[in-house]
Structure formats: C-alpha cells, structure tokens
Amino acid sequence: MPMNRLFLLIVGLLGVLSYLPAQTPHLANSSITTETPDQYYLQVKQFGEFIDRFNYVSDWKGNRIGNDFEAKFPRFHYLGYLFNKEDVRQQNLADSNYRKLCNQFLREVVDPAAPQFISLFSGQVTAKALVNINYRGKNQNCTIYFLPEVLPDRSAKWVISKVETNCFKTVADSLQKYFIAPNSHETSFINLKRIEDLSNPIYFYPSTVITDTSLLFMTEVGTNRLTINNIEKVMYLITFHSWLITVKEFNRTSNNSGWLISNIEKTD
C-alpha cells in the first residue's frame, strides 16, 4: 500500500475513534470496566447527599441543578426517587392510603407558595443510633439520640440528647441501699463522707436525676463499667410542619438504594 494512502487511512481511523465513547475493551471472563453503573449515580450514598437532593440543590451526579434539569425533572418527580420503592405499602395495590399520604407530603413540600426544605442545624433533624454496648460484662443494646448544636461562633457539633436502654434496672435496688438518712441534719450531714466509698456517687442525687438514663449512661462510661461495642445502624428523624419523616440506609444493588425515606407520618 502506498505510504500516502496508509497515512490517510490511519488519520481516518483516528478520527473515527475520537467520536467513540471511552470504554475498556471486552475481556473474556472479566467484569472490568471503566463505565460507571447507573445505580452508582442514583444511589444516595451519604445523608448529606440526601439533604442536597431533597432541597433540590444537586442532581444525581452531584452537579448543581440548573434550568435544563428542572425542565426534565421537576422537584415533585425528583423527590420520588428518595422513597424506598420496595416498601410493601408502596406496592400494595389493594391499599393506597400510604401512597396517598406520600403524595400529600410531596405536594406540600413543593408548594410554590411555601416550599419546604431540610435545614440540618435548625433542630429539624435528629439522628437515632442503635448501639451495641457491654455493661458490667454483659452485652446489651441502647438507643442514642443526637442533635446538632450551633455554638456562639457559628460552628456546630452533634450532641447526645437522650439515651434509652434497659440495662440500668438495678438502680432501683441501689436507691434502697444507698441514701442520706432523713435525720442527717441532726449530725450536720457527717455521713456525706460515705460518698467516697460508693462505686457510683450519683445515688446521693435526687431520684429524678438518678433514674435519668442519659446521665447514668455517661457516668457508667466514665467509670469504664460500660463500653461501646459498635454502632449497629443509624437513622434520621426529620420534622416538617405537621409531618415527620424517617430516613434509613438501604444497602442493596439497585437504583433505589442508599439513604431513602422509609416512613412518613402526619403529626397533626
């Protein structure tokens, strides 16, 4: 083949290749590919990503939503992707009550006159963690609630707002054993020194304090009698005007996965 024809053929092939999508060549018995699967974009990988999508700030690829995207996917339809579609209440053709409830919520959220959004640091969001612990050598579990707190310098942090657990049932027995006697005023409260011998001096506080599970949890952690094994799962409770939604993580290989709305309740 003459060199000039060979040169033109090579240039032509390069021109064709420049218009082809970049893909890894097919390899026998191999699943290696440079293409990103569709479910990667549709999956809500982080809770912060859920908030951005709910607030109609970012699209599936994390890009800021513009006019073109709004024209193709109005907010009402876009929010539909944030629901757990495998919920039996969504699939039950015989009972449409929950689907109607979801649609009512969406209509109120996207109402042009008063659209609603999620503000993480406004007290609207509560994190609920199911935690496995070890208390006095026995494996137990507890539920810990977290709230975001904004500091005077406008920085923020998460704080523990409440702890729920049944592992402190023995506290009631301890209240009968450890107390400041009712006639202690006659001895100028000299028996206050007993506090030094107690494994947990909290017993000398009022009963309302002693039975406060959240306070007991922190004091037992402080004395190393309670240790945290692992966080089993986390969910988020988000309040709107007359609504409460629950957001959970669904780990599955489908487009409808990641952080999704698992439940909606009308609160008024």
Foldseek 3Di string as FASTA:
>chain_A
DDPVVVVVVVVVVVVVVVPDDDWDDDDPPDPDIPDDDPLQLLAQADVVSVQCQLQQQAHSVRHGDDDVVCVVAPSLRSQVLQAQCPPVQNVDPVDVVQVVVVSVVSCQCVVPVDHDGDDQQPQQKKKKWWFWKAAQRRIFIKIWIWHWYQDPVRDIDIDTDAIGGDPVVCLVVVLVVDEQDPPCVVVVVPVVVCCVVDPQSCSHPDPVRSPRPVNVVVVCVVSVSMGTDGTPFMKMWGDDVQKIWIWGAADDPDSSGGTHTHDMDGRD
